[in-house]
Amino acid sequence: MDLIYRNRIPLTISLLFLLSLADMMCGFLSRKTIAHSFFAISLIISFYWFQHHAPIHYLDL
């Protein structure tokens, strides 16, 4: 179970980088609506990831 949990984190980060690349390419090619959609999707996924997978519990004193 721990191996599955550890392998999910790089996949999520790779997805975020892929969505950011698609966002930048669409913005560069003047497809603003699609670029904004990719940005919104990547923002929602990153908020989810930071809420559930980021090591914030290390900051608890």
N, C-alpha and C. Protein backbone atom coordinates (compact mmCIF):
# COMPACT_ATOMS: atom_id res chain seq x y z
N MET A 1 0.83 -1.20 0.00
CA MET A 1 0.00 0.00 0.00
C MET A 1 0.87 1.26 0.00
N ASP A 2 1.94 1.22 0.75
CA ASP A 2 2.82 2.39 0.83
C ASP A 2 3.49 2.66 -0.51
N LEU A 3 3.80 1.60 -1.27
CA LEU A 3 4.43 1.77 -2.58
C LEU A 3 3.48 2.46 -3.55
N ILE A 4 2.20 2.10 -3.50
CA ILE A 4 1.22 2.74 -4.38
C ILE A 4 1.08 4.22 -4.02
N TYR A 5 1.07 4.53 -2.73
CA TYR A 5 0.94 5.93 -2.30
C TYR A 5 2.14 6.74 -2.74
N ARG A 6 3.35 6.17 -2.64
CA ARG A 6 4.55 6.90 -3.03
C ARG A 6 4.63 7.12 -4.52
N ASN A 7 4.12 6.20 -5.32
CA ASN A 7 4.19 6.34 -6.78
C ASN A 7 3.16 7.31 -7.32
N ARG A 8 2.14 7.64 -6.55
CA ARG A 8 1.10 8.55 -7.01
C ARG A 8 1.57 10.01 -7.01
N ILE A 9 2.49 10.38 -6.14
CA ILE A 9 2.91 11.76 -6.03
C ILE A 9 3.66 12.24 -7.27
N PRO A 10 4.67 11.49 -7.80
CA PRO A 10 5.33 11.96 -9.03
C PRO A 10 4.37 12.03 -10.21
N LEU A 11 3.38 11.14 -10.25
CA LEU A 11 2.41 11.18 -11.34
C LEU A 11 1.59 12.46 -11.28
N THR A 12 1.19 12.88 -10.09
CA THR A 12 0.41 14.11 -9.93
C THR A 12 1.24 15.33 -10.31
N ILE A 13 2.49 15.36 -9.89
CA ILE A 13 3.35 16.48 -10.21
C ILE A 13 3.62 16.53 -11.72
N SER A 14 3.81 15.36 -12.33
CA SER A 14 4.00 15.32 -13.78
C SER A 14 2.77 15.83 -14.52
N LEU A 15 1.60 15.47 -14.02
CA LEU A 15 0.35 15.97 -14.62
C LEU A 15 0.26 17.48 -14.49
N LEU A 16 0.65 18.02 -13.34
CA LEU A 16 0.62 19.48 -13.16
C LEU A 16 1.58 20.18 -14.12
N PHE A 17 2.78 19.63 -14.29
CA PHE A 17 3.73 20.23 -15.23
C PHE A 17 3.23 20.12 -16.67
N LEU A 18 2.60 19.00 -17.02
CA LEU A 18 2.05 18.84 -18.36
C LEU A 18 0.92 19.84 -18.61
N LEU A 19 0.04 20.02 -17.63
CA LEU A 19 -1.03 21.00 -17.78
C LEU A 19 -0.48 22.43 -17.87
N SER A 20 0.59 22.72 -17.12
CA SER A 20 1.20 24.04 -17.20
C SER A 20 1.84 24.27 -18.55
N LEU A 21 2.47 23.22 -19.10
CA LEU A 21 3.05 23.33 -20.44
C LEU A 21 1.97 23.57 -21.49
N ALA A 22 0.87 22.83 -21.38
CA ALA A 22 -0.25 23.03 -22.31
C ALA A 22 -0.83 24.43 -22.16
N ASP A 23 -0.92 24.91 -20.94
CA ASP A 23 -1.41 26.27 -20.68
C ASP A 23 -0.52 27.31 -21.35
N MET A 24 0.79 27.18 -21.18
CA MET A 24 1.71 28.15 -21.77
C MET A 24 1.71 28.10 -23.29
N MET A 25 1.62 26.88 -23.85
CA MET A 25 1.61 26.75 -25.31
C MET A 25 0.33 27.34 -25.90
N CYS A 26 -0.81 27.10 -25.25
CA CYS A 26 -2.07 27.66 -25.75
C CYS A 26 -2.06 29.18 -25.62
N GLY A 27 -1.49 29.70 -24.56
CA GLY A 27 -1.38 31.15 -24.41
C GLY A 27 -0.47 31.74 -25.46
N PHE A 28 0.62 31.05 -25.77
CA PHE A 28 1.56 31.51 -26.80
C PHE A 28 0.93 31.49 -28.18
N LEU A 29 0.05 30.52 -28.43
CA LEU A 29 -0.61 30.40 -29.73
C LEU A 29 -1.91 31.18 -29.81
N SER A 30 -2.15 32.08 -28.86
CA SER A 30 -3.32 32.96 -28.83
C SER A 30 -4.64 32.20 -28.70
N ARG A 31 -4.64 31.14 -27.96
CA ARG A 31 -5.88 30.41 -27.65
C ARG A 31 -6.17 30.64 -26.17
N LYS A 32 -6.64 31.83 -25.88
CA LYS A 32 -6.76 32.27 -24.49
C LYS A 32 -7.80 31.48 -23.70
N THR A 33 -8.92 31.12 -24.30
CA THR A 33 -9.96 30.40 -23.56
C THR A 33 -9.47 29.02 -23.13
N ILE A 34 -8.79 28.33 -24.04
CA ILE A 34 -8.25 27.01 -23.70
C ILE A 34 -7.14 27.15 -22.67
N ALA A 35 -6.32 28.19 -22.80
CA ALA A 35 -5.24 28.41 -21.84
C ALA A 35 -5.79 28.67 -20.44
N HIS A 36 -6.85 29.45 -20.35
CA HIS A 36 -7.47 29.71 -19.05
C HIS A 36 -8.08 28.44 -18.48
N SER A 37 -8.64 27.59 -19.33
CA SER A 37 -9.20 26.32 -18.86
C SER A 37 -8.12 25.41 -18.30
N PHE A 38 -6.99 25.28 -19.01
CA PHE A 38 -5.89 24.46 -18.51
C PHE A 38 -5.33 25.03 -17.21
N PHE A 39 -5.26 26.35 -17.12
CA PHE A 39 -4.76 26.96 -15.88
C PHE A 39 -5.70 26.68 -14.71
N ALA A 40 -7.00 26.78 -14.95
CA ALA A 40 -7.97 26.51 -13.88
C ALA A 40 -7.91 25.05 -13.43
N ILE A 41 -7.79 24.13 -14.37
CA ILE A 41 -7.70 22.71 -14.02
C ILE A 41 -6.44 22.44 -13.22
N SER A 42 -5.31 23.00 -13.66
CA SER A 42 -4.06 22.77 -12.94
C SER A 42 -4.09 23.40 -11.55
N LEU A 43 -4.77 24.52 -11.42
CA LEU A 43 -4.90 25.17 -10.11
C LEU A 43 -5.73 24.31 -9.15
N ILE A 44 -6.82 23.76 -9.63
CA ILE A 44 -7.66 22.90 -8.80
C ILE A 44 -6.91 21.65 -8.37
N ILE A 45 -6.18 21.03 -9.30
CA ILE A 45 -5.40 19.83 -8.96
C ILE A 45 -4.30 20.16 -7.97
N SER A 46 -3.65 21.31 -8.14
CA SER A 46 -2.57 21.66 -7.22
C SER A 46 -3.12 21.96 -5.82
N PHE A 47 -4.27 22.60 -5.72
CA PHE A 47 -4.88 22.81 -4.41
C PHE A 47 -5.22 21.49 -3.74
N TYR A 48 -5.76 20.55 -4.52
CA TYR A 48 -6.07 19.23 -3.98
C TYR A 48 -4.79 18.55 -3.50
N TRP A 49 -3.73 18.61 -4.31
CA TRP A 49 -2.48 17.94 -3.96
C TRP A 49 -1.88 18.54 -2.68
N PHE A 50 -1.85 19.86 -2.59
CA PHE A 50 -1.28 20.49 -1.40
C PHE A 50 -2.11 20.19 -0.15
N GLN A 51 -3.41 20.06 -0.32
CA GLN A 51 -4.26 19.77 0.83
C GLN A 51 -4.07 18.34 1.35
N HIS A 52 -3.87 17.38 0.44
CA HIS A 52 -3.86 15.98 0.84
C HIS A 52 -2.48 15.32 0.86
N HIS A 53 -1.51 15.87 0.15
CA HIS A 53 -0.24 15.15 0.02
C HIS A 53 0.98 15.95 0.45
N ALA A 54 0.87 17.23 0.60
CA ALA A 54 2.04 18.02 1.00
C ALA A 54 2.36 17.74 2.47
N PRO A 55 3.64 17.69 2.81
CA PRO A 55 4.03 17.34 4.19
C PRO A 55 3.89 18.52 5.15
N ILE A 56 2.67 19.01 5.32
CA ILE A 56 2.43 20.13 6.23
C ILE A 56 2.52 19.67 7.68
N HIS A 57 2.28 18.40 7.94
CA HIS A 57 2.30 17.92 9.33
C HIS A 57 3.70 18.05 9.95
N TYR A 58 4.73 18.23 9.14
CA TYR A 58 6.06 18.46 9.70
C TYR A 58 6.18 19.84 10.33
N LEU A 59 5.31 20.75 9.96
CA LEU A 59 5.36 22.10 10.50
C LEU A 59 4.65 22.23 11.84
N ASP A 60 3.87 21.22 12.22
CA ASP A 60 3.17 21.26 13.51
C ASP A 60 4.18 21.17 14.64
N LEU A 61 4.10 22.10 15.54
CA LEU A 61 5.04 22.11 16.67
C LEU A 61 4.41 21.57 17.93
